[in-house]
């Protein structure tokens, strides 16, 4: 992987991130990213976007994280865990 494309992808993702608002409905989701070494990242209030061969994880409070898809074992976007729990009256 060449670092020049990463720099361009990061710039594109960061520019997009600057336009996002905390009220964006996509932040009602969560993201799980698993690296090839087995480490797992979980982000509440986040969503994924593909940019060419790259995966960008946009988070509500922690900016954007960019990974090359070849470096990841898996990645998924899902309903946030705490929203899946029923609240009784």
PDB file of N, CA and C in Angstrom:
ATOM      1  N   UNK A   1       0.835  -1.183   0.000  1.00  0.00           N
ATOM      2  CA  UNK A   1       0.000   0.000   0.000  1.00  0.00           C
ATOM      3  C   UNK A   1       0.882   1.250   0.000  1.00  0.00           C
ATOM      4  N   UNK A   2       0.508   2.198  -0.776  1.00  0.00           N
ATOM      5  CA  UNK A   2       1.250   3.444  -0.906  1.00  0.00           C
ATOM      6  C   UNK A   2       0.650   4.480   0.043  1.00  0.00           C
ATOM      7  N   UNK A   3       1.499   5.260   0.712  1.00  0.00           N
ATOM      8  CA  UNK A   3       1.007   6.248   1.672  1.00  0.00           C
ATOM      9  C   UNK A   3       0.361   7.447   0.993  1.00  0.00           C
ATOM     10  N   UNK A   4       0.678   7.694  -0.272  1.00  0.00           N
ATOM     11  CA  UNK A   4       0.076   8.833  -0.967  1.00  0.00           C
ATOM     12  C   UNK A   4      -1.436   8.663  -1.097  1.00  0.00           C
ATOM     13  N   UNK A   5      -1.927   7.490  -1.555  1.00  0.00           N
ATOM     14  CA  UNK A   5      -3.384   7.338  -1.603  1.00  0.00           C
ATOM     15  C   UNK A   5      -4.030   7.476  -0.224  1.00  0.00           C
ATOM     16  N   UNK A   6      -3.381   6.968   0.823  1.00  0.00           N
ATOM     17  CA  UNK A   6      -3.943   7.108   2.162  1.00  0.00           C
ATOM     18  C   UNK A   6      -4.106   8.579   2.511  1.00  0.00           C
ATOM     19  N   UNK A   7      -3.105   9.391   2.195  1.00  0.00           N
ATOM     20  CA  UNK A   7      -3.186  10.816   2.500  1.00  0.00           C
ATOM     21  C   UNK A   7      -4.370  11.452   1.779  1.00  0.00           C
ATOM     22  N   UNK A   8      -4.571  11.114   0.525  1.00  0.00           N
ATOM     23  CA  UNK A   8      -5.695  11.665  -0.238  1.00  0.00           C
ATOM     24  C   UNK A   8      -7.032  11.192   0.313  1.00  0.00           C
ATOM     25  N   UNK A   9      -7.102   9.911   0.668  1.00  0.00           N
ATOM     26  CA  UNK A   9      -8.336   9.354   1.224  1.00  0.00           C
ATOM     27  C   UNK A   9      -8.648  10.000   2.565  1.00  0.00           C
ATOM     28  N   UNK A  10      -7.621  10.165   3.406  1.00  0.00           N
ATOM     29  CA  UNK A  10      -7.822  10.817   4.705  1.00  0.00           C
ATOM     30  C   UNK A  10      -8.327  12.248   4.533  1.00  0.00           C
ATOM     31  N   UNK A  11      -7.733  12.980   3.609  1.00  0.00           N
ATOM     32  CA  UNK A  11      -8.161  14.358   3.366  1.00  0.00           C
ATOM     33  C   UNK A  11      -9.623  14.394   2.930  1.00  0.00           C
ATOM     34  N   UNK A  12      -9.992  13.489   2.028  1.00  0.00           N
ATOM     35  CA  UNK A  12     -11.374  13.425   1.554  1.00  0.00           C
ATOM     36  C   UNK A  12     -12.321  13.078   2.709  1.00  0.00           C
ATOM     37  N   UNK A  13     -11.948  12.104   3.529  1.00  0.00           N
ATOM     38  CA  UNK A  13     -12.783  11.700   4.664  1.00  0.00           C
ATOM     39  C   UNK A  13     -12.886  12.811   5.706  1.00  0.00           C
ATOM     40  N   UNK A  14     -11.787  13.485   5.985  1.00  0.00           N
ATOM     41  CA  UNK A  14     -11.804  14.564   6.978  1.00  0.00           C
ATOM     42  C   UNK A  14     -12.622  15.748   6.493  1.00  0.00           C
ATOM     43  N   UNK A  15     -12.567  16.047   5.210  1.00  0.00           N
ATOM     44  CA  UNK A  15     -13.383  17.122   4.650  1.00  0.00           C
ATOM     45  C   UNK A  15     -14.867  16.792   4.798  1.00  0.00           C
ATOM     46  N   UNK A  16     -15.229  15.544   4.512  1.00  0.00           N
ATOM     47  CA  UNK A  16     -16.614  15.102   4.667  1.00  0.00           C
ATOM     48  C   UNK A  16     -17.022  15.150   6.139  1.00  0.00           C
ATOM     49  N   UNK A  17     -16.124  14.739   7.027  1.00  0.00           N
ATOM     50  CA  UNK A  17     -16.404  14.713   8.460  1.00  0.00           C
ATOM     51  C   UNK A  17     -16.717  16.111   8.990  1.00  0.00           C
ATOM     52  N   UNK A  18     -16.039  17.119   8.475  1.00  0.00           N
ATOM     53  CA  UNK A  18     -16.263  18.498   8.922  1.00  0.00           C
ATOM     54  C   UNK A  18     -17.678  18.975   8.633  1.00  0.00           C
ATOM     55  N   UNK A  19     -18.329  18.385   7.631  1.00  0.00           N
ATOM     56  CA  UNK A  19     -19.678  18.795   7.238  1.00  0.00           C
ATOM     57  C   UNK A  19     -20.770  18.075   8.031  1.00  0.00           C
ATOM     58  N   UNK A  20     -20.392  17.050   8.784  1.00  0.00           N
ATOM     59  CA  UNK A  20     -21.377  16.267   9.523  1.00  0.00           C
ATOM     60  C   UNK A  20     -21.841  16.995  10.778  1.00  0.00           C
ATOM     61  N   UNK A  21     -23.101  16.823  11.103  1.00  0.00           N
ATOM     62  CA  UNK A  21     -23.673  17.365  12.331  1.00  0.00           C
ATOM     63  C   UNK A  21     -23.939  16.227  13.305  1.00  0.00           C
ATOM     64  N   UNK A  22     -23.895  16.513  14.588  1.00  0.00           N
ATOM     65  CA  UNK A  22     -24.170  15.488  15.599  1.00  0.00           C
ATOM     66  C   UNK A  22     -25.590  14.936  15.472  1.00  0.00           C
ATOM     67  N   UNK A  23     -26.468  15.696  14.858  1.00  0.00           N
ATOM     68  CA  UNK A  23     -27.863  15.263  14.694  1.00  0.00           C
ATOM     69  C   UNK A  23     -28.070  14.385  13.462  1.00  0.00           C
ATOM     70  N   UNK A  24     -27.019  14.108  12.722  1.00  0.00           N
ATOM     71  CA  UNK A  24     -27.132  13.256  11.538  1.00  0.00           C
ATOM     72  C   UNK A  24     -27.679  11.894  11.963  1.00  0.00           C
ATOM     73  N   UNK A  25     -28.755  11.420  11.343  1.00  0.00           N
ATOM     74  CA  UNK A  25     -29.364  10.152  11.763  1.00  0.00           C
ATOM     75  C   UNK A  25     -28.446   8.933  11.604  1.00  0.00           C
ATOM     76  N   UNK A  26     -27.415   9.039  10.791  1.00  0.00           N
ATOM     77  CA  UNK A  26     -26.489   7.911  10.648  1.00  0.00           C
ATOM     78  C   UNK A  26     -25.719   7.639  11.928  1.00  0.00           C
ATOM     79  N   UNK A  27     -25.648   8.633  12.828  1.00  0.00           N
ATOM     80  CA  UNK A  27     -24.968   8.432  14.102  1.00  0.00           C
ATOM     81  C   UNK A  27     -25.813   7.638  15.094  1.00  0.00           C
ATOM     82  N   UNK A  28     -26.992   7.201  14.684  1.00  0.00           N
ATOM     83  CA  UNK A  28     -27.801   6.316  15.534  1.00  0.00           C
ATOM     84  C   UNK A  28     -27.334   4.872  15.418  1.00  0.00           C
ATOM     85  N   UNK A  29     -26.320   4.636  14.628  1.00  0.00           N
ATOM     86  CA  UNK A  29     -25.794   3.292  14.394  1.00  0.00           C
ATOM     87  C   UNK A  29     -24.525   3.072  15.215  1.00  0.00           C
ATOM     88  N   UNK A  30     -23.997   1.876  15.103  1.00  0.00           N
ATOM     89  CA  UNK A  30     -22.720   1.532  15.740  1.00  0.00           C
ATOM     90  C   UNK A  30     -21.886   0.761  14.723  1.00  0.00           C
ATOM     91  N   UNK A  31     -20.598   0.703  14.955  1.00  0.00           N
ATOM     92  CA  UNK A  31     -19.674   0.043  14.029  1.00  0.00           C
ATOM     93  C   UNK A  31     -18.754  -0.883  14.814  1.00  0.00           C
ATOM     94  N   UNK A  32     -18.531  -2.069  14.270  1.00  0.00           N
ATOM     95  CA  UNK A  32     -17.541  -2.995  14.794  1.00  0.00           C
ATOM     96  C   UNK A  32     -16.522  -3.253  13.690  1.00  0.00           C
ATOM     97  N   UNK A  33     -15.254  -3.077  14.033  1.00  0.00           N
ATOM     98  CA  UNK A  33     -14.162  -3.309  13.094  1.00  0.00           C
ATOM     99  C   UNK A  33     -13.229  -4.343  13.706  1.00  0.00           C
ATOM    100  N   UNK A  34     -12.924  -5.390  12.952  1.00  0.00           N
ATOM    101  CA  UNK A  34     -11.992  -6.404  13.427  1.00  0.00           C
ATOM    102  C   UNK A  34     -10.787  -6.442  12.496  1.00  0.00           C
ATOM    103  N   UNK A  35      -9.616  -6.275  13.090  1.00  0.00           N
ATOM    104  CA  UNK A  35      -8.367  -6.330  12.333  1.00  0.00           C
ATOM    105  C   UNK A  35      -7.925  -7.776  12.156  1.00  0.00           C
ATOM    106  N   UNK A  36      -7.016  -7.981  11.223  1.00  0.00           N
ATOM    107  CA  UNK A  36      -6.517  -9.327  10.953  1.00  0.00           C
ATOM    108  C   UNK A  36      -5.834  -9.961  12.164  1.00  0.00           C
ATOM    109  N   UNK A  37      -5.284  -9.125  13.069  1.00  0.00           N
ATOM    110  CA  UNK A  37      -4.614  -9.670  14.255  1.00  0.00           C
ATOM    111  C   UNK A  37      -5.602 -10.065  15.353  1.00  0.00           C
ATOM    112  N   UNK A  38      -6.901  -9.855  15.097  1.00  0.00           N
ATOM    113  CA  UNK A  38      -7.933 -10.236  16.058  1.00  0.00           C
ATOM    114  C   UNK A  38      -8.416  -9.095  16.938  1.00  0.00           C
ATOM    115  N   UNK A  39      -7.737  -7.954  16.921  1.00  0.00           N
ATOM    116  CA  UNK A  39      -8.198  -6.836  17.742  1.00  0.00           C
ATOM    117  C   UNK A  39      -9.518  -6.306  17.193  1.00  0.00           C
ATOM    118  N   UNK A  40     -10.385  -5.902  18.110  1.00  0.00           N
ATOM    119  CA  UNK A  40     -11.729  -5.454  17.742  1.00  0.00           C
ATOM    120  C   UNK A  40     -11.958  -4.046  18.272  1.00  0.00           C
ATOM    121  N   UNK A  41     -12.489  -3.197  17.412  1.00  0.00           N
ATOM    122  CA  UNK A  41     -12.875  -1.836  17.791  1.00  0.00           C
ATOM    123  C   UNK A  41     -14.392  -1.733  17.687  1.00  0.00           C
ATOM    124  N   UNK A  42     -15.017  -1.131  18.682  1.00  0.00           N
ATOM    125  CA  UNK A  42     -16.464  -0.913  18.663  1.00  0.00           C
ATOM    126  C   UNK A  42     -16.708   0.568  18.865  1.00  0.00           C
ATOM    127  N   UNK A  43     -17.459   1.182  17.953  1.00  0.00           N
ATOM    128  CA  UNK A  43     -17.777   2.600  18.051  1.00  0.00           C
ATOM    129  C   UNK A  43     -19.293   2.763  18.125  1.00  0.00           C
ATOM    130  N   UNK A  44     -19.776   3.334  19.214  1.00  0.00           N
ATOM    131  CA  UNK A  44     -21.173   3.753  19.302  1.00  0.00           C
ATOM    132  C   UNK A  44     -21.300   5.080  18.570  1.00  0.00           C
ATOM    133  N   UNK A  45     -22.470   5.397  18.060  1.00  0.00           N
ATOM    134  CA  UNK A  45     -22.699   6.664  17.362  1.00  0.00           C
ATOM    135  C   UNK A  45     -21.729   6.811  16.193  1.00  0.00           C
ATOM    136  N   UNK A  46     -21.763   5.851  15.271  1.00  0.00           N
ATOM    137  CA  UNK A  46     -20.830   5.847  14.145  1.00  0.00           C
ATOM    138  C   UNK A  46     -21.471   5.188  12.927  1.00  0.00           C
ATOM    139  N   UNK A  47     -20.870   5.438  11.761  1.00  0.00           N
ATOM    140  CA  UNK A  47     -21.300   4.766  10.537  1.00  0.00           C
ATOM    141  C   UNK A  47     -20.102   4.587   9.620  1.00  0.00           C
ATOM    142  N   UNK A  48     -20.249   3.692   8.643  1.00  0.00           N
ATOM    143  CA  UNK A  48     -19.176   3.368   7.706  1.00  0.00           C
ATOM    144  C   UNK A  48     -19.457   3.936   6.324  1.00  0.00           C
ATOM    145  N   UNK A  49     -18.385   4.198   5.592  1.00  0.00           N
ATOM    146  CA  UNK A  49     -18.476   4.600   4.179  1.00  0.00           C
ATOM    147  C   UNK A  49     -17.280   4.017   3.450  1.00  0.00           C
ATOM    148  N   UNK A  50     -17.495   3.565   2.231  1.00  0.00           N
ATOM    149  CA  UNK A  50     -16.404   3.064   1.392  1.00  0.00           C
ATOM    150  C   UNK A  50     -15.897   4.203   0.525  1.00  0.00           C
ATOM    151  N   UNK A  51     -14.593   4.314   0.428  1.00  0.00           N
ATOM    152  CA  UNK A  51     -13.938   5.261  -0.473  1.00  0.00           C
ATOM    153  C   UNK A  51     -12.898   4.445  -1.231  1.00  0.00           C
ATOM    154  N   UNK A  52     -13.216   4.072  -2.448  1.00  0.00           N
ATOM    155  CA  UNK A  52     -12.368   3.171  -3.236  1.00  0.00           C
ATOM    156  C   UNK A  52     -12.134   1.877  -2.449  1.00  0.00           C
ATOM    157  N   UNK A  53     -10.867   1.524  -2.201  1.00  0.00           N
ATOM    158  CA  UNK A  53     -10.551   0.306  -1.450  1.00  0.00           C
ATOM    159  C   UNK A  53     -10.421   0.564   0.046  1.00  0.00           C
ATOM    160  N   UNK A  54     -10.855   1.714   0.492  1.00  0.00           N
ATOM    161  CA  UNK A  54     -10.707   2.123   1.886  1.00  0.00           C
ATOM    162  C   UNK A  54     -12.056   2.108   2.586  1.00  0.00           C
ATOM    163  N   UNK A  55     -12.015   1.919   3.898  1.00  0.00           N
ATOM    164  CA  UNK A  55     -13.211   1.960   4.739  1.00  0.00           C
ATOM    165  C   UNK A  55     -13.023   3.115   5.713  1.00  0.00           C
ATOM    166  N   UNK A  56     -13.985   4.019   5.730  1.00  0.00           N
ATOM    167  CA  UNK A  56     -13.941   5.151   6.654  1.00  0.00           C
ATOM    168  C   UNK A  56     -15.016   4.962   7.712  1.00  0.00           C
ATOM    169  N   UNK A  57     -14.631   5.099   8.951  1.00  0.00           N
ATOM    170  CA  UNK A  57     -15.556   5.012  10.072  1.00  0.00           C
ATOM    171  C   UNK A  57     -15.718   6.421  10.636  1.00  0.00           C
ATOM    172  N   UNK A  58     -16.909   6.987  10.453  1.00  0.00           N
ATOM    173  CA  UNK A  58     -17.212   8.331  10.942  1.00  0.00           C
ATOM    174  C   UNK A  58     -17.870   8.205  12.304  1.00  0.00           C
ATOM    175  N   UNK A  59     -17.298   8.875  13.311  1.00  0.00           N
ATOM    176  CA  UNK A  59     -17.830   8.808  14.663  1.00  0.00           C
ATOM    177  C   UNK A  59     -18.347  10.177  15.081  1.00  0.00           C
ATOM    178  N   UNK A  60     -19.299  10.160  15.988  1.00  0.00           N
ATOM    179  CA  UNK A  60     -19.907  11.423  16.418  1.00  0.00           C
ATOM    180  C   UNK A  60     -18.920  12.304  17.182  1.00  0.00           C
ATOM    181  N   UNK A  61     -18.104  11.719  18.036  1.00  0.00           N
ATOM    182  CA  UNK A  61     -17.232  12.520  18.906  1.00  0.00           C
ATOM    183  C   UNK A  61     -15.743  12.247  18.744  1.00  0.00           C
ATOM    184  N   UNK A  62     -15.361  11.259  17.931  1.00  0.00           N
ATOM    185  CA  UNK A  62     -13.951  10.877  17.851  1.00  0.00           C
ATOM    186  C   UNK A  62     -13.407  10.935  16.431  1.00  0.00           C
ATOM    187  N   UNK A  63     -13.991  11.785  15.608  1.00  0.00           N
ATOM    188  CA  UNK A  63     -13.470  11.998  14.265  1.00  0.00           C
ATOM    189  C   UNK A  63     -13.682  10.816  13.338  1.00  0.00           C
ATOM    190  N   UNK A  64     -12.833  10.756  12.340  1.00  0.00           N
ATOM    191  CA  UNK A  64     -12.947   9.707  11.329  1.00  0.00           C
ATOM    192  C   UNK A  64     -11.704   8.821  11.385  1.00  0.00           C
ATOM    193  N   UNK A  65     -11.914   7.528  11.205  1.00  0.00           N
ATOM    194  CA  UNK A  65     -10.831   6.554  11.178  1.00  0.00           C
ATOM    195  C   UNK A  65     -10.860   5.883   9.812  1.00  0.00           C
ATOM    196  N   UNK A  66      -9.697   5.764   9.168  1.00  0.00           N
ATOM    197  CA  UNK A  66      -9.626   5.223   7.810  1.00  0.00           C
ATOM    198  C   UNK A  66      -8.735   3.983   7.801  1.00  0.00           C
ATOM    199  N   UNK A  67      -9.231   2.916   7.163  1.00  0.00           N
ATOM    200  CA  UNK A  67      -8.506   1.654   7.077  1.00  0.00           C
ATOM    201  C   UNK A  67      -8.554   1.140   5.645  1.00  0.00           C
ATOM    202  N   UNK A  68      -7.489   0.494   5.206  1.00  0.00           N
ATOM    203  CA  UNK A  68      -7.545  -0.182   3.912  1.00  0.00           C
ATOM    204  C   UNK A  68      -8.311  -1.479   4.121  1.00  0.00           C
ATOM    205  N   UNK A  69      -9.232  -1.775   3.233  1.00  0.00           N
ATOM    206  CA  UNK A  69     -10.089  -2.946   3.417  1.00  0.00           C
ATOM    207  C   UNK A  69      -9.284  -4.244   3.480  1.00  0.00           C
ATOM    208  N   UNK A  70      -8.127  -4.295   2.841  1.00  0.00           N
ATOM    209  CA  UNK A  70      -7.282  -5.501   2.890  1.00  0.00           C
ATOM    210  C   UNK A  70      -6.688  -5.741   4.282  1.00  0.00           C
ATOM    211  N   UNK A  71      -6.621  -4.697   5.108  1.00  0.00           N
ATOM    212  CA  UNK A  71      -6.049  -4.825   6.441  1.00  0.00           C
ATOM    213  C   UNK A  71      -7.073  -5.268   7.481  1.00  0.00           C
ATOM    214  N   UNK A  72      -8.328  -5.363   7.083  1.00  0.00           N
ATOM    215  CA  UNK A  72      -9.394  -5.698   8.024  1.00  0.00           C
ATOM    216  C   UNK A  72      -9.890  -7.116   7.798  1.00  0.00           C
ATOM    217  N   UNK A  73     -10.174  -7.804   8.904  1.00  0.00           N
ATOM    218  CA  UNK A  73     -10.779  -9.127   8.815  1.00  0.00           C
ATOM    219  C   UNK A  73     -12.271  -8.975   8.536  1.00  0.00           C
ATOM    220  N   UNK A  74     -12.897  -8.009   9.238  1.00  0.00           N
ATOM    221  CA  UNK A  74     -14.318  -7.739   9.005  1.00  0.00           C
ATOM    222  C   UNK A  74     -14.663  -6.337   9.500  1.00  0.00           C
ATOM    223  N   UNK A  75     -15.796  -5.846   9.016  1.00  0.00           N
ATOM    224  CA  UNK A  75     -16.329  -4.573   9.491  1.00  0.00           C
ATOM    225  C   UNK A  75     -17.827  -4.590   9.241  1.00  0.00           C
ATOM    226  N   UNK A  76     -18.562  -4.023  10.187  1.00  0.00           N
ATOM    227  CA  UNK A  76     -20.012  -4.001  10.031  1.00  0.00           C
ATOM    228  C   UNK A  76     -20.615  -2.810  10.764  1.00  0.00           C
ATOM    229  N   UNK A  77     -21.748  -2.423  10.277  1.00  0.00           N
ATOM    230  CA  UNK A  77     -22.533  -1.346  10.864  1.00  0.00           C
ATOM    231  C   UNK A  77     -23.810  -1.990  11.380  1.00  0.00           C
ATOM    232  N   UNK A  78     -24.251  -1.615  12.586  1.00  0.00           N
ATOM    233  CA  UNK A  78     -25.433  -2.256  13.159  1.00  0.00           C
ATOM    234  C   UNK A  78     -26.136  -1.319  14.118  1.00  0.00           C
ATOM    235  N   UNK A  79     -27.282  -1.773  14.611  1.00  0.00           N
ATOM    236  CA  UNK A  79     -28.035  -1.022  15.601  1.00  0.00           C
ATOM    237  C   UNK A  79     -27.203  -0.924  16.868  1.00  0.00           C
ATOM    238  N   UNK A  80     -27.221   0.249  17.473  1.00  0.00           N
ATOM    239  CA  UNK A  80     -26.452   0.418  18.704  1.00  0.00           C
ATOM    240  C   UNK A  80     -26.951  -0.554  19.761  1.00  0.00           C
ATOM    241  N   UNK A  81     -26.043  -1.084  20.538  1.00  0.00           N
ATOM    242  CA  UNK A  81     -26.372  -2.108  21.529  1.00  0.00           C
ATOM    243  C   UNK A  81     -27.398  -1.632  22.540  1.00  0.00           C
ATOM    244  N   UNK A  82     -27.235  -0.451  23.098  1.00  0.00           N
ATOM    245  CA  UNK A  82     -28.163  -0.027  24.141  1.00  0.00           C
ATOM    246  C   UNK A  82     -29.554   0.294  23.609  1.00  0.00           C
ATOM    247  N   UNK A  83     -29.700   0.521  22.306  1.00  0.00           N
ATOM    248  CA  UNK A  83     -31.032   0.740  21.753  1.00  0.00           C
ATOM    249  C   UNK A  83     -31.781  -0.564  21.555  1.00  0.00           C
ATOM    250  N   UNK A  84     -31.072  -1.687  21.575  1.00  0.00           N
ATOM    251  CA  UNK A  84     -31.704  -2.981  21.340  1.00  0.00           C
ATOM    252  C   UNK A  84     -32.303  -3.530  22.640  1.00  0.00           C
ATOM    253  N   UNK A  85     -32.080  -2.861  23.765  1.00  0.00           N
ATOM    254  CA  UNK A  85     -32.596  -3.325  25.049  1.00  0.00           C
ATOM    255  C   UNK A  85     -33.918  -2.647  25.333  1.00  0.00           C
ATOM    256  N   UNK A  86     -34.920  -3.455  25.627  1.00  0.00           N
ATOM    257  CA  UNK A  86     -36.248  -2.914  25.919  1.00  0.00           C
ATOM    258  C   UNK A  86     -36.241  -2.257  27.290  1.00  0.00           C
ATOM    259  N   UNK A  87     -36.874  -1.107  27.392  1.00  0.00           N
ATOM    260  CA  UNK A  87     -37.000  -0.399  28.648  1.00  0.00           C
ATOM    261  C   UNK A  87     -38.426  -0.585  29.147  1.00  0.00           C
ATOM    262  N   UNK A  88     -38.570  -1.171  30.333  1.00  0.00           N
ATOM    263  CA  UNK A  88     -39.892  -1.439  30.880  1.00  0.00           C
ATOM    264  C   UNK A  88     -40.401  -0.220  31.651  1.00  0.00           C
ATOM    265  N   UNK A  89     -41.712   0.005  31.611  1.00  0.00           N
ATOM    266  CA  UNK A  89     -42.290   1.152  32.339  1.00  0.00           C
ATOM    267  C   UNK A  89     -42.265   0.942  33.840  1.00  0.00           C
TER     268      UNK A  89
END
